[in-house]
Amino acid sequence: MREATRIGVLEGVRVGQNGVEVSLLQFADDTLFVCQPKYQSILAIKVILRSFKVVLSLKVNFYKSQVDAVGISDVDMIIFSKWLNCGSMYFSFKYLGISIGGNLKKVDFWRPIINKIKAFYVKG
C-alpha cells in the first residue's frame, strides 16, 4: 500500500486538519482499504490482493469481502465490485469500535472516524 501510494497508483483519503492520508485500516482479521474512487486505484488494490495471495500463499475470502464507495455512480460501483470479485455493501458497518451510518455528506458522519485516527496518531 505504501509503495502504491508513493508511486501514485493509489491515492488515499486525507482526513483531519493536518490532512493525514489514510489508505489502509486494519483490525484483528479485517482490512479496510480507503482510496479515491478511481479505476487506477481499484486496479492497484486488485494487484495488491493478488500479490498477497502469491507471496504469502494465503487466500482473500472474497465471499465475505465487500466494496462500497461514496459519491460515485451505481454503474461504477458495480464495475469496482466486479473487478475486485466482491459483493457490494451499503454504507452502514461497524469499525474502530464505532457504528457508521447516516448522511455521508455531513461532517458529523465522519467525526468519529477522524477522532479515532487522530487519537491513534497522538498516542503513536
Protein backbone atom coordinates (compact mmCIF):
# COMPACT_ATOMS: atom_id res chain seq x y z
CA MET A 1 0.00 0.00 0.00
CA ARG A 2 2.80 2.41 0.87
CA GLU A 3 4.58 1.76 -2.41
CA ALA A 4 1.36 2.07 -4.44
CA THR A 5 0.64 5.38 -2.70
CA ARG A 6 4.25 6.57 -3.07
CA ILE A 7 4.37 5.98 -6.83
CA GLY A 8 0.91 7.47 -7.33
CA VAL A 9 -1.10 4.47 -8.50
CA LEU A 10 -3.28 4.57 -5.38
CA GLU A 11 -4.50 7.72 -3.67
CA GLY A 12 -5.79 7.53 -0.12
CA VAL A 13 -8.20 9.92 1.56
CA ARG A 14 -6.95 12.93 3.52
CA VAL A 15 -8.58 13.39 6.93
CA GLY A 16 -8.39 15.87 9.78
CA GLN A 17 -6.97 19.37 9.96
CA ASN A 18 -3.47 18.13 9.13
CA GLY A 19 -4.65 16.19 6.09
CA VAL A 20 -3.27 12.81 7.18
CA GLU A 21 -3.54 10.42 4.25
CA VAL A 22 -5.35 7.19 5.09
CA SER A 23 -5.30 4.30 2.62
CA LEU A 24 -5.47 1.23 4.84
CA LEU A 25 -7.07 0.45 8.18
CA GLN A 26 -6.52 -2.95 9.77
CA PHE A 27 -8.34 -4.55 12.67
CA ALA A 28 -7.84 -8.04 14.14
CA ASP A 29 -8.64 -10.05 11.00
CA ASP A 30 -10.27 -7.34 8.88
CA THR A 31 -8.76 -4.87 6.45
CA LEU A 32 -10.39 -1.72 5.14
CA PHE A 33 -8.87 -0.20 2.00
CA VAL A 34 -9.60 3.51 1.67
CA CYS A 35 -8.92 5.23 -1.64
CA GLN A 36 -10.18 7.73 -4.14
CA PRO A 37 -12.83 6.19 -6.42
CA LYS A 38 -10.60 5.91 -9.47
CA TYR A 39 -10.22 2.94 -11.78
CA GLN A 40 -6.43 3.04 -11.31
CA SER A 41 -6.78 2.78 -7.52
CA ILE A 42 -9.17 -0.18 -7.77
CA LEU A 43 -6.79 -1.99 -10.11
CA ALA A 44 -3.91 -1.27 -7.70
CA ILE A 45 -5.88 -2.85 -4.85
CA LYS A 46 -6.55 -5.89 -7.02
CA VAL A 47 -2.83 -6.25 -7.76
CA ILE A 48 -2.02 -5.88 -4.05
CA LEU A 49 -4.53 -8.59 -3.12
CA ARG A 50 -3.22 -10.96 -5.80
CA SER A 51 0.36 -10.32 -4.68
CA PHE A 52 -0.66 -11.05 -1.09
CA LYS A 53 -2.01 -14.41 -2.23
CA VAL A 54 1.07 -15.31 -4.28
CA VAL A 55 3.72 -14.15 -1.80
CA LEU A 56 2.13 -15.50 1.38
CA SER A 57 0.19 -18.43 -0.09
CA LEU A 58 -2.89 -17.14 1.71
CA LYS A 59 -6.32 -16.51 0.25
CA VAL A 60 -8.51 -13.46 0.49
CA ASN A 61 -12.03 -14.56 1.35
CA PHE A 62 -13.88 -12.73 -1.41
CA TYR A 63 -17.14 -14.37 -0.36
CA LYS A 64 -17.01 -12.25 2.81
CA SER A 65 -15.41 -9.24 1.15
CA GLN A 66 -17.45 -6.23 0.15
CA VAL A 67 -16.81 -2.96 -1.60
CA ASP A 68 -18.53 0.36 -1.09
CA ALA A 69 -17.92 3.82 -2.46
CA VAL A 70 -19.04 7.31 -1.62
CA GLY A 71 -20.03 9.78 -4.30
CA ILE A 72 -19.83 7.60 -7.41
CA SER A 73 -22.42 6.26 -9.80
CA ASP A 74 -24.11 2.89 -9.33
CA VAL A 75 -22.51 1.75 -12.60
CA ASP A 76 -19.00 2.49 -11.32
CA MET A 77 -19.86 0.76 -8.05
CA ILE A 78 -20.87 -2.39 -9.94
CA ILE A 79 -17.71 -2.24 -12.06
CA PHE A 80 -15.49 -1.83 -8.97
CA SER A 81 -17.12 -4.75 -7.17
CA LYS A 82 -16.81 -6.99 -10.23
CA TRP A 83 -13.14 -6.07 -10.74
CA LEU A 84 -12.42 -6.95 -7.14
CA ASN A 85 -14.64 -10.04 -7.25
CA CYS A 86 -16.51 -8.78 -4.19
CA GLY A 87 -20.08 -8.11 -3.27
CA SER A 88 -21.41 -4.59 -2.83
CA MET A 89 -22.37 -3.21 0.52
CA TYR A 90 -24.42 -0.28 1.62
CA PHE A 91 -22.58 2.12 3.88
CA SER A 92 -23.53 1.01 7.34
CA PHE A 93 -20.98 -1.01 9.27
CA LYS A 94 -19.01 -1.10 12.50
CA TYR A 95 -15.27 -0.48 12.63
CA LEU A 96 -12.93 1.19 15.08
CA GLY A 97 -15.40 0.46 17.86
CA ILE A 98 -17.97 2.80 16.36
CA SER A 99 -21.08 2.29 14.29
CA ILE A 100 -21.13 4.10 10.99
CA GLY A 101 -24.29 5.04 9.18
CA GLY A 102 -26.19 8.14 8.17
CA ASN A 103 -25.67 11.04 5.80
CA LEU A 104 -22.22 10.68 4.21
CA LYS A 105 -22.15 14.35 3.21
CA LYS A 106 -22.32 15.67 6.78
CA VAL A 107 -19.19 16.30 8.82
CA ASP A 108 -20.81 14.66 11.85
CA PHE A 109 -20.91 11.37 9.95
CA TRP A 110 -17.10 11.31 9.65
CA ARG A 111 -16.22 12.89 13.01
CA PRO A 112 -15.96 9.58 14.99
CA ILE A 113 -13.57 8.12 12.41
CA ILE A 114 -11.44 11.25 12.29
CA ASN A 115 -11.30 11.37 16.10
CA LYS A 116 -10.20 7.72 16.31
CA ILE A 117 -7.47 8.28 13.71
CA LYS A 118 -6.30 11.46 15.48
CA ALA A 119 -6.20 9.60 18.82
CA PHE A 120 -4.05 6.89 17.22
CA TYR A 121 -1.53 9.41 15.88
CA VAL A 122 -1.36 11.30 19.18
CA LYS A 123 -0.65 8.05 21.09
CA GLY A 124 1.65 6.58 18.40
